[in-house]
C-alpha atoms as a PDB file:
ATOM      1  CA  MET A   1     -89.650 -20.586 -69.771  1.00  0.00           C
ATOM      2  CA  GLU A   2     -91.222 -17.766 -68.533  1.00  0.00           C
ATOM      3  CA  PHE A   3     -92.272 -17.457 -64.832  1.00  0.00           C
ATOM      4  CA  GLY A   4     -95.654 -15.947 -64.610  1.00  0.00           C
ATOM      5  CA  TRP A   5     -96.800 -14.204 -61.483  1.00  0.00           C
ATOM      6  CA  GLU A   6    -100.753 -14.998 -62.612  1.00  0.00           C
ATOM      7  CA  PRO A   7    -101.182 -18.302 -61.846  1.00  0.00           C
ATOM      8  CA  ILE A   8     -99.771 -17.862 -58.264  1.00  0.00           C
ATOM      9  CA  ILE A   9    -101.539 -14.984 -57.722  1.00  0.00           C
ATOM     10  CA  LYS A  10    -104.747 -16.286 -58.941  1.00  0.00           C
ATOM     11  CA  SER A  11    -104.047 -19.360 -56.507  1.00  0.00           C
ATOM     12  CA  LEU A  12    -103.575 -16.994 -53.456  1.00  0.00           C
ATOM     13  CA  ASN A  13    -106.134 -17.089 -50.443  1.00  0.00           C
ATOM     14  CA  TRP A  14    -106.741 -13.200 -50.451  1.00  0.00           C
ATOM     15  CA  THR A  15    -109.099 -13.870 -47.483  1.00  0.00           C
ATOM     16  CA  LEU A  16    -106.511 -15.038 -45.486  1.00  0.00           C
ATOM     17  CA  ILE A  17    -103.617 -12.182 -46.490  1.00  0.00           C
ATOM     18  CA  LEU A  18    -106.301  -9.429 -45.881  1.00  0.00           C
ATOM     19  CA  ASN A  19    -106.750 -11.195 -42.327  1.00  0.00           C
ATOM     20  CA  VAL A  20    -103.139 -11.430 -41.612  1.00  0.00           C
ATOM     21  CA  ILE A  21    -102.983  -7.499 -42.444  1.00  0.00           C
ATOM     22  CA  ALA A  22    -106.255  -6.686 -40.730  1.00  0.00           C
ATOM     23  CA  PHE A  23    -104.068  -8.407 -37.491  1.00  0.00           C
ATOM     24  CA  LEU A  24    -101.462  -6.833 -37.921  1.00  0.00           C
ATOM     25  CA  LEU A  25    -103.165  -3.462 -38.346  1.00  0.00           C
ATOM     26  CA  LEU A  26    -104.979  -4.237 -34.899  1.00  0.00           C
ATOM     27  CA  VAL A  27    -101.874  -5.224 -33.531  1.00  0.00           C
ATOM     28  CA  TRP A  28    -100.183  -1.588 -34.468  1.00  0.00           C
ATOM     29  CA  ALA A  29    -103.296  -0.188 -33.958  1.00  0.00           C
ATOM     30  CA  LEU A  30    -103.704  -1.491 -29.964  1.00  0.00           C
ATOM     31  CA  LYS A  31     -99.802  -0.981 -29.515  1.00  0.00           C
ATOM     32  CA  ARG A  32     -99.779   2.714 -30.519  1.00  0.00           C
ATOM     33  CA  LEU A  33    -103.281   3.358 -28.471  1.00  0.00           C
ATOM     34  CA  LEU A  34    -104.437   0.871 -25.937  1.00  0.00           C
ATOM     35  CA  PHE A  35    -100.820  -0.367 -24.861  1.00  0.00           C
ATOM     36  CA  ALA A  36     -98.975   2.591 -24.943  1.00  0.00           C
ATOM     37  CA  ARG A  37    -101.905   4.084 -22.649  1.00  0.00           C
ATOM     38  CA  ALA A  38    -101.585   0.898 -20.759  1.00  0.00           C
ATOM     39  CA  LEU A  39     -98.336   0.581 -20.334  1.00  0.00           C
ATOM     40  CA  ALA A  40     -97.800   4.199 -18.899  1.00  0.00           C
ATOM     41  CA  TRP A  41    -100.621   3.467 -16.600  1.00  0.00           C
ATOM     42  CA  LEU A  42     -98.410   0.502 -15.343  1.00  0.00           C
ATOM     43  CA  ASP A  43     -95.458   2.625 -15.278  1.00  0.00           C
ATOM     44  CA  ALA A  44     -97.128   5.269 -13.274  1.00  0.00           C
ATOM     45  CA  ARG A  45     -98.450   3.020 -11.185  1.00  0.00           C
ATOM     46  CA  ARG A  46     -94.828   1.339 -10.572  1.00  0.00           C
ATOM     47  CA  LYS A  47     -93.432   4.732  -9.998  1.00  0.00           C
ATOM     48  CA  LEU A  48     -95.936   5.197  -7.085  1.00  0.00           C
ATOM     49  CA  GLU A  49     -95.407   1.854  -5.533  1.00  0.00           C
ATOM     50  CA  GLU A  50     -92.097   2.757  -5.780  1.00  0.00           C
ATOM     51  CA  GLU A  51     -92.390   6.064  -3.981  1.00  0.00           C
ATOM     52  CA  ARG A  52     -94.504   4.291  -1.270  1.00  0.00           C
ATOM     53  CA  ILE A  53     -91.844   1.761  -0.601  1.00  0.00           C
ATOM     54  CA  SER A  54     -89.209   4.464  -0.492  1.00  0.00           C
ATOM     55  CA  ARG A  55     -91.354   6.957   1.741  1.00  0.00           C
ATOM     56  CA  ALA A  56     -92.205   3.369   4.236  1.00  0.00           C
ATOM     57  CA  LYS A  57     -88.231   2.622   4.381  1.00  0.00           C
ATOM     58  CA  ALA A  58     -87.512   6.177   5.445  1.00  0.00           C
ATOM     59  CA  MET A  59     -90.618   5.867   7.943  1.00  0.00           C
ATOM     60  CA  GLU A  60     -89.075   2.731   9.547  1.00  0.00           C
ATOM     61  CA  GLU A  61     -85.645   3.902   9.375  1.00  0.00           C
ATOM     62  CA  GLU A  62     -87.245   7.021  11.237  1.00  0.00           C
ATOM     63  CA  ALA A  63     -88.915   4.812  13.891  1.00  0.00           C
ATOM     64  CA  LEU A  64     -85.846   2.767  14.532  1.00  0.00           C
ATOM     65  CA  ARG A  65     -84.076   5.902  14.770  1.00  0.00           C
ATOM     66  CA  LEU A  66     -86.431   7.708  17.360  1.00  0.00           C
ATOM     67  CA  GLN A  67     -86.832   4.197  19.148  1.00  0.00           C
ATOM     68  CA  LYS A  68     -83.146   4.034  19.338  1.00  0.00           C
ATOM     69  CA  GLN A  69     -82.877   7.865  20.753  1.00  0.00           C
ATOM     70  CA  ALA A  70     -86.231   6.688  23.397  1.00  0.00           C
ATOM     71  CA  GLU A  71     -84.365   3.574  24.245  1.00  0.00           C
ATOM     72  CA  GLU A  72     -80.907   6.286  25.227  1.00  0.00           C
ATOM     73  CA  GLU A  73     -83.213   8.541  27.040  1.00  0.00           C
ATOM     74  CA  LEU A  74     -84.412   5.846  29.218  1.00  0.00           C
ATOM     75  CA  GLN A  75     -81.221   4.825  29.973  1.00  0.00           C
ATOM     76  CA  ASP A  76     -80.234   8.150  30.839  1.00  0.00           C
ATOM     77  CA  ALA A  77     -83.208   8.234  33.186  1.00  0.00           C
ATOM     78  CA  ASN A  78     -82.615   5.151  34.779  1.00  0.00           C
ATOM     79  CA  ARG A  79     -79.128   6.238  35.551  1.00  0.00           C
ATOM     80  CA  ARG A  80     -79.974   9.829  36.948  1.00  0.00           C
ATOM     81  CA  ALA A  81     -82.700   8.325  39.148  1.00  0.00           C
ATOM     82  CA  ARG A  82     -80.256   5.640  40.576  1.00  0.00           C
ATOM     83  CA  ALA A  83     -77.992   8.696  41.222  1.00  0.00           C
ATOM     84  CA  VAL A  84     -80.735  10.625  43.136  1.00  0.00           C
ATOM     85  CA  LEU A  85     -81.379   7.532  45.251  1.00  0.00           C
ATOM     86  CA  ALA A  86     -77.670   7.104  45.885  1.00  0.00           C
ATOM     87  CA  GLN A  87     -77.430  10.640  46.906  1.00  0.00           C
ATOM     88  CA  ALA A  88     -80.742  10.103  49.123  1.00  0.00           C
ATOM     89  CA  GLU A  89     -79.495   7.094  50.618  1.00  0.00           C
ATOM     90  CA  ALA A  90     -76.350   8.717  51.407  1.00  0.00           C
ATOM     91  CA  GLU A  91     -77.964  11.611  53.047  1.00  0.00           C
ATOM     92  CA  ALA A  92     -80.037   9.401  54.645  1.00  0.00           C
ATOM     93  CA  GLN A  93     -77.290   7.577  56.367  1.00  0.00           C
ATOM     94  CA  GLU A  94     -75.444  10.773  57.074  1.00  0.00           C
ATOM     95  CA  ILE A  95     -78.327  12.284  59.386  1.00  0.00           C
ATOM     96  CA  LEU A  96     -78.451   8.578  60.786  1.00  0.00           C
ATOM     97  CA  ARG A  97     -74.935   9.236  61.726  1.00  0.00           C
ATOM     98  CA  ARG A  98     -75.571  12.429  62.956  1.00  0.00           C
ATOM     99  CA  ALA A  99     -78.733  11.286  65.369  1.00  0.00           C
ATOM    100  CA  ARG A 100     -76.887   8.809  66.913  1.00  0.00           C
ATOM    101  CA  GLU A 101     -73.899  11.078  67.513  1.00  0.00           C
ATOM    102  CA  GLU A 102     -76.602  13.879  68.950  1.00  0.00           C
ATOM    103  CA  ALA A 103     -78.478  10.991  71.015  1.00  0.00           C
ATOM    104  CA  ARG A 104     -75.172   9.420  72.607  1.00  0.00           C
ATOM    105  CA  GLU A 105     -74.076  13.245  73.367  1.00  0.00           C
ATOM    106  CA  GLU A 106     -77.720  13.501  75.142  1.00  0.00           C
ATOM    107  CA  ALA A 107     -77.001  10.290  76.821  1.00  0.00           C
ATOM    108  CA  ARG A 108     -73.529  11.434  78.082  1.00  0.00           C
ATOM    109  CA  ARG A 109     -75.070  14.669  79.234  1.00  0.00           C
ATOM    110  CA  ILE A 110     -77.997  12.980  81.422  1.00  0.00           C
ATOM    111  CA  ILE A 111     -75.373  10.532  82.516  1.00  0.00           C
ATOM    112  CA  GLN A 112     -73.293  13.535  84.038  1.00  0.00           C
ATOM    113  CA  GLU A 113     -76.327  15.654  85.190  1.00  0.00           C
ATOM    114  CA  ALA A 114     -77.305  12.481  87.008  1.00  0.00           C
ATOM    115  CA  GLU A 115     -73.941  11.887  88.217  1.00  0.00           C
ATOM    116  CA  ALA A 116     -73.627  15.098  89.720  1.00  0.00           C
ATOM    117  CA  ALA A 117     -77.440  15.621  91.259  1.00  0.00           C
ATOM    118  CA  ALA A 118     -76.312  11.831  92.929  1.00  0.00           C
ATOM    119  CA  ARG A 119     -72.709  13.632  94.409  1.00  0.00           C
ATOM    120  CA  ARG A 120     -75.020  16.563  95.586  1.00  0.00           C
ATOM    121  CA  VAL A 121     -77.442  13.890  97.304  1.00  0.00           C
ATOM    122  CA  GLN A 122     -74.746  12.109  98.615  1.00  0.00           C
ATOM    123  CA  GLU A 123     -72.899  15.165  99.933  1.00  0.00           C
ATOM    124  CA  GLU A 124     -75.822  16.494 101.410  1.00  0.00           C
ATOM    125  CA  ALA A 125     -76.712  13.276 103.135  1.00  0.00           C
ATOM    126  CA  LEU A 126     -73.218  12.946 104.755  1.00  0.00           C
ATOM    127  CA  GLN A 127     -73.694  16.399 105.610  1.00  0.00           C
ATOM    128  CA  GLU A 128     -76.976  15.497 107.326  1.00  0.00           C
ATOM    129  CA  LEU A 129     -75.074  12.204 108.850  1.00  0.00           C
ATOM    130  CA  ARG A 130     -72.551  14.011 110.639  1.00  0.00           C
ATOM    131  CA  LYS A 131     -74.758  16.572 111.962  1.00  0.00           C
ATOM    132  CA  VAL A 132     -76.859  13.738 113.386  1.00  0.00           C
ATOM    133  CA  TYR A 133     -73.535  12.024 114.390  1.00  0.00           C
ATOM    134  CA  ALA A 134     -72.320  15.082 116.298  1.00  0.00           C
ATOM    135  CA  GLU A 135     -75.932  15.381 117.967  1.00  0.00           C
ATOM    136  CA  LEU A 136     -75.507  11.857 118.910  1.00  0.00           C
ATOM    137  CA  VAL A 137     -72.416  12.318 120.312  1.00  0.00           C
ATOM    138  CA  VAL A 138     -73.039  15.421 122.099  1.00  0.00           C
ATOM    139  CA  LEU A 139     -76.376  13.570 123.466  1.00  0.00           C
ATOM    140  CA  GLY A 140     -73.839  10.598 124.769  1.00  0.00           C
ATOM    141  CA  ALA A 141     -71.415  13.088 126.081  1.00  0.00           C
ATOM    142  CA  ALA A 142     -74.277  14.281 128.087  1.00  0.00           C
ATOM    143  CA  GLN A 143     -75.667  11.594 129.713  1.00  0.00           C
ATOM    144  CA  VAL A 144     -71.774  10.620 130.349  1.00  0.00           C
ATOM    145  CA  LEU A 145     -71.361  13.665 132.066  1.00  0.00           C
ATOM    146  CA  GLY A 146     -74.787  13.552 133.649  1.00  0.00           C
ATOM    147  CA  ARG A 147     -76.099  16.704 133.015  1.00  0.00           C
ATOM    148  CA  GLU A 148     -77.721  18.706 130.592  1.00  0.00           C
ATOM    149  CA  VAL A 149     -75.794  20.742 127.815  1.00  0.00           C
ATOM    150  CA  ARG A 150     -76.845  24.162 127.099  1.00  0.00           C
ATOM    151  CA  ALA A 151     -78.053  25.357 124.089  1.00  0.00           C
ATOM    152  CA  GLU A 152     -74.592  27.249 123.490  1.00  0.00           C
ATOM    153  CA  ASP A 153     -71.939  24.406 124.939  1.00  0.00           C
ATOM    154  CA  HIS A 154     -74.030  22.569 122.615  1.00  0.00           C
ATOM    155  CA  GLU A 155     -73.484  24.024 119.218  1.00  0.00           C
ATOM    156  CA  ARG A 156     -70.079  24.970 120.088  1.00  0.00           C
ATOM    157  CA  ILE A 157     -69.458  21.333 120.749  1.00  0.00           C
ATOM    158  CA  LEU A 158     -71.065  20.435 117.561  1.00  0.00           C
ATOM    159  CA  ALA A 159     -68.905  22.619 115.330  1.00  0.00           C
ATOM    160  CA  GLU A 160     -65.899  21.514 117.383  1.00  0.00           C
ATOM    161  CA  LEU A 161     -66.391  18.356 116.493  1.00  0.00           C
ATOM    162  CA  LEU A 162     -67.491  19.198 112.988  1.00  0.00           C
ATOM    163  CA  SER A 163     -64.427  20.459 112.111  1.00  0.00           C
ATOM    164  CA  ARG A 164     -62.273  17.674 113.816  1.00  0.00           C
ATOM    165  CA  LEU A 165     -63.791  14.719 111.813  1.00  0.00           C
ATOM    166  CA  GLY A 166     -63.599  16.482 108.513  1.00  0.00           C
ATOM    167  CA  PRO A 167     -65.190  16.005 105.000  1.00  0.00           C
ATOM    168  CA  GLY A 168     -63.769  12.418 105.180  1.00  0.00           C
ATOM    169  CA  VAL A 169     -64.718  10.814 107.945  1.00  0.00           C
ATOM    170  CA  LEU A 170     -67.972   9.431 107.119  1.00  0.00           C
ATOM    171  CA  SER A 171     -67.289   9.486 103.585  1.00  0.00           C
END
């Protein structure tokens, strides 16, 4: 028995085979021409997006670094400001302390001057009182004696009386 291809070949649907061959050629042509370009474009687009993402990450890292640096500078500025304020407060306290000390010294000086002036006024008043007292004694002695005392006698008696009375008699 001999197997022949002829009945098989006659029974084949050549339209279907040609359609399958045309489809395969179309797929090959699309893959070779269109899909290759589309895939190349998609690869280029993917690379571009990856570069953009990596640049964005780098920018984000730089922004975080700059933010951290700015925060550190702000903290440093705050520390320096607090130090300046503390120094200014210390200087103000020192100025206030010196002003109080100067005011106390000035008050002591004024009190000493006032006490000295009061002693001078008191001494002058005592001298005046002694003089008046001596004059009264002389006038009293003149009335007791019943005669008038001459100016020379008056001065001599006053001087004698003042020398006897001394500085502590009327004080």
